[in-house]
Amino acid sequence: MTSNTISYNPPGPTTGATPNYTPTLTNTLNLTSSTARVTTYLRSNSSVSVGGQLDVKAAGAGVTTVNISLPVGSDFSNIYQAGGNAIALTGTGSIQGTIQANIASNTLELTYNALDTTTRTFMFTALYEII
């Protein structure tokens, strides 16, 4: 009689620092300044999850857009190849923003409706495909 044995050696815990980068920001619409903070990311096969904070100062009330560089390059062909959200707390509530792929610049595009010219700190998360 022949015996079949299956063995599995799961990988051990990983050690070391979480991957991080400081993104390059591009003020696209209605911004006077933006400052990136160190941002973390995690790559899993052909997907990348990104999370961090950035400070933005709008030129005035209205739609505002900033582009965020990627830690791992991608060649987007559709805006839905990235998605996420952002939030900035105010004294009386919060401002929400959306994140999608920018196919012209291969960046993450954060869009929100600015209330005024106050500098806001946005916390954001996004997931995108490596194309």
N, C-alpha and C. Protein backbone atom coordinates (compact mmCIF):
# COMPACT_ATOMS: atom_id res chain seq x y z
N MET A 1 0.84 -1.17 0.00
CA MET A 1 0.00 0.00 0.00
C MET A 1 0.89 1.23 0.00
N THR A 2 0.56 2.20 -0.86
CA THR A 2 1.33 3.43 -0.97
C THR A 2 0.65 4.52 -0.19
N SER A 3 1.43 5.30 0.53
CA SER A 3 0.89 6.40 1.34
C SER A 3 1.19 7.72 0.65
N ASN A 4 0.19 8.60 0.58
CA ASN A 4 0.38 9.94 0.01
C ASN A 4 0.46 10.93 1.14
N THR A 5 1.47 11.75 1.12
CA THR A 5 1.65 12.75 2.16
C THR A 5 1.69 14.13 1.53
N ILE A 6 0.94 15.02 2.10
CA ILE A 6 0.96 16.41 1.66
C ILE A 6 1.55 17.23 2.79
N SER A 7 2.51 18.04 2.47
CA SER A 7 3.09 18.89 3.51
C SER A 7 2.98 20.35 3.09
N TYR A 8 2.88 21.18 4.07
CA TYR A 8 2.76 22.62 3.83
C TYR A 8 3.60 23.33 4.86
N ASN A 9 4.47 24.18 4.40
CA ASN A 9 5.31 24.98 5.29
C ASN A 9 4.93 26.44 5.11
N PRO A 10 4.01 26.94 5.93
CA PRO A 10 3.61 28.34 5.76
C PRO A 10 4.77 29.28 6.05
N PRO A 11 4.77 30.42 5.39
CA PRO A 11 5.84 31.38 5.65
C PRO A 11 5.74 31.92 7.07
N GLY A 12 6.87 32.21 7.64
CA GLY A 12 6.90 32.79 8.98
C GLY A 12 6.54 34.26 8.94
N PRO A 13 6.40 34.86 10.10
CA PRO A 13 6.07 36.29 10.14
C PRO A 13 7.19 37.12 9.53
N THR A 14 6.80 38.19 8.88
CA THR A 14 7.80 39.06 8.29
C THR A 14 8.24 40.10 9.30
N THR A 15 9.44 40.53 9.15
CA THR A 15 9.96 41.56 10.03
C THR A 15 10.42 42.73 9.18
N GLY A 16 10.61 43.84 9.80
CA GLY A 16 11.08 45.01 9.06
C GLY A 16 10.01 46.08 9.01
N ALA A 17 10.36 47.15 8.38
CA ALA A 17 9.49 48.31 8.32
C ALA A 17 8.40 48.14 7.26
N THR A 18 7.28 48.76 7.49
CA THR A 18 6.21 48.83 6.49
C THR A 18 6.71 49.70 5.35
N PRO A 19 6.48 49.29 4.09
CA PRO A 19 6.92 50.12 2.98
C PRO A 19 6.26 51.50 3.03
N ASN A 20 7.03 52.51 2.79
CA ASN A 20 6.45 53.85 2.76
C ASN A 20 7.16 54.68 1.70
N TYR A 21 6.54 55.80 1.37
CA TYR A 21 7.09 56.74 0.41
C TYR A 21 6.47 58.10 0.68
N THR A 22 7.10 59.13 0.20
CA THR A 22 6.51 60.47 0.28
C THR A 22 6.07 60.83 -1.13
N PRO A 23 4.75 60.87 -1.35
CA PRO A 23 4.27 61.11 -2.72
C PRO A 23 4.56 62.53 -3.20
N THR A 24 4.67 62.64 -4.50
CA THR A 24 4.72 63.95 -5.14
C THR A 24 3.29 64.38 -5.40
N LEU A 25 2.96 65.61 -5.02
CA LEU A 25 1.62 66.14 -5.22
C LEU A 25 1.63 67.16 -6.35
N THR A 26 0.58 67.15 -7.16
CA THR A 26 0.42 68.13 -8.23
C THR A 26 -0.89 68.87 -8.00
N ASN A 27 -0.79 70.18 -7.80
CA ASN A 27 -1.98 71.01 -7.59
C ASN A 27 -2.66 71.18 -8.94
N THR A 28 -3.79 70.52 -9.12
CA THR A 28 -4.46 70.48 -10.42
C THR A 28 -5.54 71.54 -10.57
N LEU A 29 -6.38 71.71 -9.54
CA LEU A 29 -7.51 72.63 -9.65
C LEU A 29 -7.79 73.29 -8.31
N ASN A 30 -7.81 74.63 -8.29
CA ASN A 30 -8.24 75.41 -7.14
C ASN A 30 -7.37 75.22 -5.89
N LEU A 31 -6.08 75.03 -6.06
CA LEU A 31 -5.18 74.86 -4.92
C LEU A 31 -4.07 75.89 -4.96
N THR A 32 -3.72 76.44 -3.78
CA THR A 32 -2.57 77.33 -3.69
C THR A 32 -1.35 76.59 -3.15
N SER A 33 -1.58 75.53 -2.35
CA SER A 33 -0.45 74.75 -1.85
C SER A 33 -0.91 73.37 -1.40
N SER A 34 0.05 72.45 -1.39
CA SER A 34 -0.19 71.10 -0.89
C SER A 34 1.13 70.55 -0.36
N THR A 35 1.04 69.77 0.71
CA THR A 35 2.22 69.16 1.32
C THR A 35 1.94 67.70 1.60
N ALA A 36 2.81 66.83 1.11
CA ALA A 36 2.66 65.40 1.34
C ALA A 36 3.32 65.00 2.66
N ARG A 37 2.77 64.01 3.28
CA ARG A 37 3.38 63.38 4.46
C ARG A 37 3.80 61.97 4.06
N VAL A 38 4.65 61.35 4.87
CA VAL A 38 5.06 59.98 4.59
C VAL A 38 3.81 59.11 4.55
N THR A 39 3.71 58.30 3.51
CA THR A 39 2.54 57.49 3.23
C THR A 39 2.94 56.01 3.19
N THR A 40 2.09 55.15 3.71
CA THR A 40 2.38 53.72 3.68
C THR A 40 1.66 53.06 2.51
N TYR A 41 2.20 51.94 2.08
CA TYR A 41 1.54 51.18 1.02
C TYR A 41 1.85 49.71 1.19
N LEU A 42 0.99 48.89 0.60
CA LEU A 42 1.16 47.45 0.63
C LEU A 42 0.81 46.89 -0.74
N ARG A 43 1.75 46.18 -1.33
CA ARG A 43 1.50 45.58 -2.64
C ARG A 43 1.16 44.11 -2.46
N SER A 44 0.12 43.65 -3.14
CA SER A 44 -0.27 42.25 -3.15
C SER A 44 -0.56 41.87 -4.59
N ASN A 45 0.32 41.11 -5.19
CA ASN A 45 0.21 40.73 -6.61
C ASN A 45 0.08 41.97 -7.48
N SER A 46 -1.06 42.17 -8.14
CA SER A 46 -1.20 43.32 -9.04
C SER A 46 -2.07 44.43 -8.45
N SER A 47 -2.18 44.46 -7.12
CA SER A 47 -2.93 45.52 -6.44
C SER A 47 -2.05 46.21 -5.41
N VAL A 48 -2.29 47.51 -5.21
CA VAL A 48 -1.56 48.27 -4.22
C VAL A 48 -2.56 49.04 -3.37
N SER A 49 -2.41 48.93 -2.07
CA SER A 49 -3.22 49.69 -1.12
C SER A 49 -2.34 50.81 -0.55
N VAL A 50 -2.87 52.02 -0.54
CA VAL A 50 -2.12 53.20 -0.10
C VAL A 50 -2.91 53.91 0.99
N GLY A 51 -2.23 54.40 2.00
CA GLY A 51 -2.90 55.16 3.05
C GLY A 51 -1.97 56.22 3.61
N GLY A 52 -2.50 57.41 3.86
CA GLY A 52 -1.66 58.47 4.39
C GLY A 52 -2.41 59.75 4.65
N GLN A 53 -1.65 60.81 4.75
CA GLN A 53 -2.20 62.14 5.01
C GLN A 53 -1.52 63.16 4.11
N LEU A 54 -2.26 64.22 3.81
CA LEU A 54 -1.67 65.35 3.09
C LEU A 54 -2.39 66.62 3.50
N ASP A 55 -1.67 67.72 3.42
CA ASP A 55 -2.22 69.04 3.75
C ASP A 55 -2.46 69.79 2.46
N VAL A 56 -3.65 70.39 2.33
CA VAL A 56 -3.97 71.16 1.13
C VAL A 56 -4.61 72.49 1.52
N LYS A 57 -4.32 73.51 0.72
CA LYS A 57 -4.91 74.84 0.92
C LYS A 57 -5.56 75.26 -0.39
N ALA A 58 -6.88 75.37 -0.37
CA ALA A 58 -7.63 75.74 -1.57
C ALA A 58 -7.50 77.23 -1.84
N ALA A 59 -7.60 77.60 -3.10
CA ALA A 59 -7.57 79.02 -3.49
C ALA A 59 -8.90 79.69 -3.16
N GLY A 60 -9.96 78.92 -3.04
CA GLY A 60 -11.29 79.45 -2.73
C GLY A 60 -12.27 78.31 -2.61
N ALA A 61 -13.50 78.62 -2.29
CA ALA A 61 -14.54 77.60 -2.18
C ALA A 61 -14.81 76.99 -3.55
N GLY A 62 -15.11 75.69 -3.56
CA GLY A 62 -15.44 75.03 -4.82
C GLY A 62 -14.68 73.74 -5.02
N VAL A 63 -14.90 73.13 -6.17
CA VAL A 63 -14.26 71.86 -6.50
C VAL A 63 -12.75 72.03 -6.53
N THR A 64 -12.06 71.10 -5.88
CA THR A 64 -10.61 71.17 -5.72
C THR A 64 -10.01 69.80 -6.03
N THR A 65 -8.90 69.78 -6.76
CA THR A 65 -8.28 68.52 -7.15
C THR A 65 -6.77 68.56 -6.96
N VAL A 66 -6.24 67.48 -6.40
CA VAL A 66 -4.79 67.30 -6.27
C VAL A 66 -4.46 65.89 -6.73
N ASN A 67 -3.36 65.74 -7.47
CA ASN A 67 -2.90 64.44 -7.92
C ASN A 67 -1.80 63.93 -7.00
N ILE A 68 -1.85 62.64 -6.70
CA ILE A 68 -0.93 61.98 -5.77
C ILE A 68 -0.15 60.93 -6.54
N SER A 69 1.18 61.00 -6.52
CA SER A 69 1.99 60.02 -7.24
C SER A 69 1.85 58.63 -6.61
N LEU A 70 2.16 57.61 -7.41
CA LEU A 70 2.03 56.22 -6.98
C LEU A 70 3.34 55.68 -6.43
N PRO A 71 3.27 54.78 -5.44
CA PRO A 71 4.50 54.15 -4.95
C PRO A 71 5.02 53.08 -5.91
N VAL A 72 4.11 52.44 -6.63
CA VAL A 72 4.44 51.43 -7.63
C VAL A 72 3.73 51.87 -8.90
N GLY A 73 4.46 52.04 -9.98
CA GLY A 73 3.89 52.58 -11.21
C GLY A 73 2.76 51.75 -11.81
N SER A 74 1.87 52.42 -12.50
CA SER A 74 0.77 51.78 -13.21
C SER A 74 0.48 52.60 -14.47
N ASP A 75 -0.13 51.96 -15.46
CA ASP A 75 -0.47 52.63 -16.70
C ASP A 75 -1.99 52.58 -16.86
N PHE A 76 -2.69 53.45 -16.13
CA PHE A 76 -4.15 53.45 -16.11
C PHE A 76 -4.74 53.72 -17.48
N SER A 77 -5.82 53.02 -17.79
CA SER A 77 -6.58 53.28 -19.02
C SER A 77 -8.03 53.64 -18.71
N ASN A 78 -8.45 53.48 -17.45
CA ASN A 78 -9.80 53.82 -17.02
C ASN A 78 -9.75 54.41 -15.61
N ILE A 79 -10.64 55.34 -15.31
CA ILE A 79 -10.62 55.99 -13.99
C ILE A 79 -10.96 55.03 -12.87
N TYR A 80 -11.67 53.95 -13.16
CA TYR A 80 -12.06 53.01 -12.11
C TYR A 80 -10.96 52.01 -11.74
N GLN A 81 -9.77 52.13 -12.32
CA GLN A 81 -8.67 51.24 -11.97
C GLN A 81 -8.02 51.65 -10.64
N ALA A 82 -8.54 52.72 -10.05
CA ALA A 82 -8.15 53.13 -8.69
C ALA A 82 -9.39 53.69 -8.03
N GLY A 83 -9.46 53.52 -6.73
CA GLY A 83 -10.60 54.08 -6.00
C GLY A 83 -10.26 54.23 -4.54
N GLY A 84 -10.86 55.24 -3.93
CA GLY A 84 -10.62 55.44 -2.52
C GLY A 84 -11.40 56.63 -2.00
N ASN A 85 -11.10 56.99 -0.78
CA ASN A 85 -11.78 58.12 -0.16
C ASN A 85 -10.82 58.88 0.73
N ALA A 86 -11.24 60.08 1.08
CA ALA A 86 -10.44 60.95 1.94
C ALA A 86 -11.38 61.75 2.82
N ILE A 87 -10.89 62.13 3.99
CA ILE A 87 -11.69 62.93 4.90
C ILE A 87 -10.79 63.92 5.63
N ALA A 88 -11.30 65.13 5.79
CA ALA A 88 -10.62 66.17 6.58
C ALA A 88 -11.62 66.64 7.63
N LEU A 89 -11.17 66.69 8.86
CA LEU A 89 -12.04 67.17 9.93
C LEU A 89 -12.02 68.69 9.98
N THR A 90 -13.18 69.26 10.25
CA THR A 90 -13.30 70.70 10.42
C THR A 90 -13.76 70.94 11.86
N GLY A 91 -13.89 72.18 12.24
CA GLY A 91 -14.35 72.48 13.59
C GLY A 91 -15.78 72.04 13.85
N THR A 92 -16.57 71.90 12.79
CA THR A 92 -17.98 71.56 12.96
C THR A 92 -18.39 70.27 12.25
N GLY A 93 -17.48 69.58 11.65
CA GLY A 93 -17.82 68.35 10.93
C GLY A 93 -16.65 67.84 10.13
N SER A 94 -16.90 67.53 8.86
CA SER A 94 -15.84 66.99 8.01
C SER A 94 -16.11 67.32 6.55
N ILE A 95 -15.06 67.17 5.76
CA ILE A 95 -15.14 67.30 4.31
C ILE A 95 -14.69 65.97 3.73
N GLN A 96 -15.49 65.39 2.85
CA GLN A 96 -15.14 64.13 2.23
C GLN A 96 -14.66 64.37 0.81
N GLY A 97 -13.76 63.49 0.38
CA GLY A 97 -13.27 63.54 -0.98
C GLY A 97 -13.26 62.15 -1.59
N THR A 98 -13.17 62.08 -2.90
CA THR A 98 -13.10 60.81 -3.60
C THR A 98 -11.76 60.70 -4.32
N ILE A 99 -11.33 59.47 -4.51
CA ILE A 99 -10.07 59.21 -5.22
C ILE A 99 -10.36 58.27 -6.37
N GLN A 100 -9.82 58.61 -7.53
CA GLN A 100 -9.92 57.76 -8.71
C GLN A 100 -8.60 57.84 -9.47
N ALA A 101 -8.45 56.99 -10.47
CA ALA A 101 -7.26 57.00 -11.32
C ALA A 101 -7.30 58.21 -12.25
N ASN A 102 -6.16 58.85 -12.41
CA ASN A 102 -6.02 59.89 -13.43
C ASN A 102 -5.26 59.25 -14.59
N ILE A 103 -5.94 59.02 -15.71
CA ILE A 103 -5.33 58.28 -16.82
C ILE A 103 -4.32 59.11 -17.61
N ALA A 104 -4.40 60.42 -17.51
CA ALA A 104 -3.45 61.27 -18.24
C ALA A 104 -2.08 61.30 -17.57
N SER A 105 -2.07 61.27 -16.23
CA SER A 105 -0.81 61.38 -15.50
C SER A 105 -0.43 60.13 -14.72
N ASN A 106 -1.26 59.08 -14.78
CA ASN A 106 -1.02 57.84 -14.02
C ASN A 106 -0.75 58.13 -12.55
N THR A 107 -1.68 58.87 -11.96
CA THR A 107 -1.62 59.22 -10.54
C THR A 107 -2.98 58.93 -9.92
N LEU A 108 -3.04 59.06 -8.59
CA LEU A 108 -4.32 59.05 -7.89
C LEU A 108 -4.83 60.48 -7.88
N GLU A 109 -6.10 60.68 -8.16
CA GLU A 109 -6.69 62.01 -8.21
C GLU A 109 -7.70 62.18 -7.08
N LEU A 110 -7.37 63.05 -6.13
CA LEU A 110 -8.26 63.37 -5.01
C LEU A 110 -9.06 64.62 -5.35
N THR A 111 -10.38 64.50 -5.30
CA THR A 111 -11.27 65.62 -5.58
C THR A 111 -12.19 65.83 -4.39
N TYR A 112 -12.34 67.09 -3.97
CA TYR A 112 -13.25 67.42 -2.89
C TYR A 112 -13.81 68.82 -3.11
N ASN A 113 -14.83 69.16 -2.35
CA ASN A 113 -15.45 70.47 -2.46
C ASN A 113 -14.96 71.34 -1.30
N ALA A 114 -14.06 72.27 -1.58
CA ALA A 114 -13.49 73.14 -0.54
C ALA A 114 -14.55 74.11 -0.03
N LEU A 115 -14.55 74.31 1.28
CA LEU A 115 -15.48 75.26 1.89
C LEU A 115 -14.92 76.67 1.91
N ASP A 116 -13.57 76.77 1.99
CA ASP A 116 -12.91 78.05 2.14
C ASP A 116 -11.42 77.87 1.85
N THR A 117 -10.59 78.81 2.27
CA THR A 117 -9.15 78.75 2.00
C THR A 117 -8.33 78.23 3.18
N THR A 118 -8.98 77.65 4.16
CA THR A 118 -8.27 77.09 5.32
C THR A 118 -7.46 75.87 4.90
N THR A 119 -6.24 75.75 5.40
CA THR A 119 -5.43 74.55 5.15
C THR A 119 -6.09 73.36 5.86
N ARG A 120 -6.30 72.28 5.12
CA ARG A 120 -6.95 71.09 5.65
C ARG A 120 -6.00 69.90 5.58
N THR A 121 -6.05 69.05 6.59
CA THR A 121 -5.29 67.79 6.58
C THR A 121 -6.26 66.67 6.23
N PHE A 122 -6.03 66.06 5.07
CA PHE A 122 -6.85 64.94 4.63
C PHE A 122 -6.16 63.63 4.97
N MET A 123 -6.92 62.70 5.51
CA MET A 123 -6.49 61.32 5.70
C MET A 123 -7.12 60.53 4.56
N PHE A 124 -6.35 59.69 3.88
CA PHE A 124 -6.89 59.00 2.72
C PHE A 124 -6.46 57.54 2.65
N THR A 125 -7.28 56.76 1.98
CA THR A 125 -6.94 55.38 1.62
C THR A 125 -7.37 55.16 0.18
N ALA A 126 -6.63 54.34 -0.52
CA ALA A 126 -6.98 54.04 -1.92
C ALA A 126 -6.41 52.67 -2.27
N LEU A 127 -7.04 52.07 -3.25
CA LEU A 127 -6.59 50.78 -3.79
C LEU A 127 -6.52 50.94 -5.30
N TYR A 128 -5.44 50.47 -5.92
CA TYR A 128 -5.35 50.57 -7.37
C TYR A 128 -4.72 49.32 -7.97
N GLU A 129 -4.98 49.15 -9.26
CA GLU A 129 -4.44 48.04 -10.02
C GLU A 129 -3.11 48.43 -10.67
N ILE A 130 -2.19 47.51 -10.70
CA ILE A 130 -0.96 47.71 -11.46
C ILE A 130 -1.24 47.18 -12.87
N ILE A 131 -1.21 48.08 -13.83
CA ILE A 131 -1.53 47.73 -15.22
C ILE A 131 -0.25 47.72 -16.03
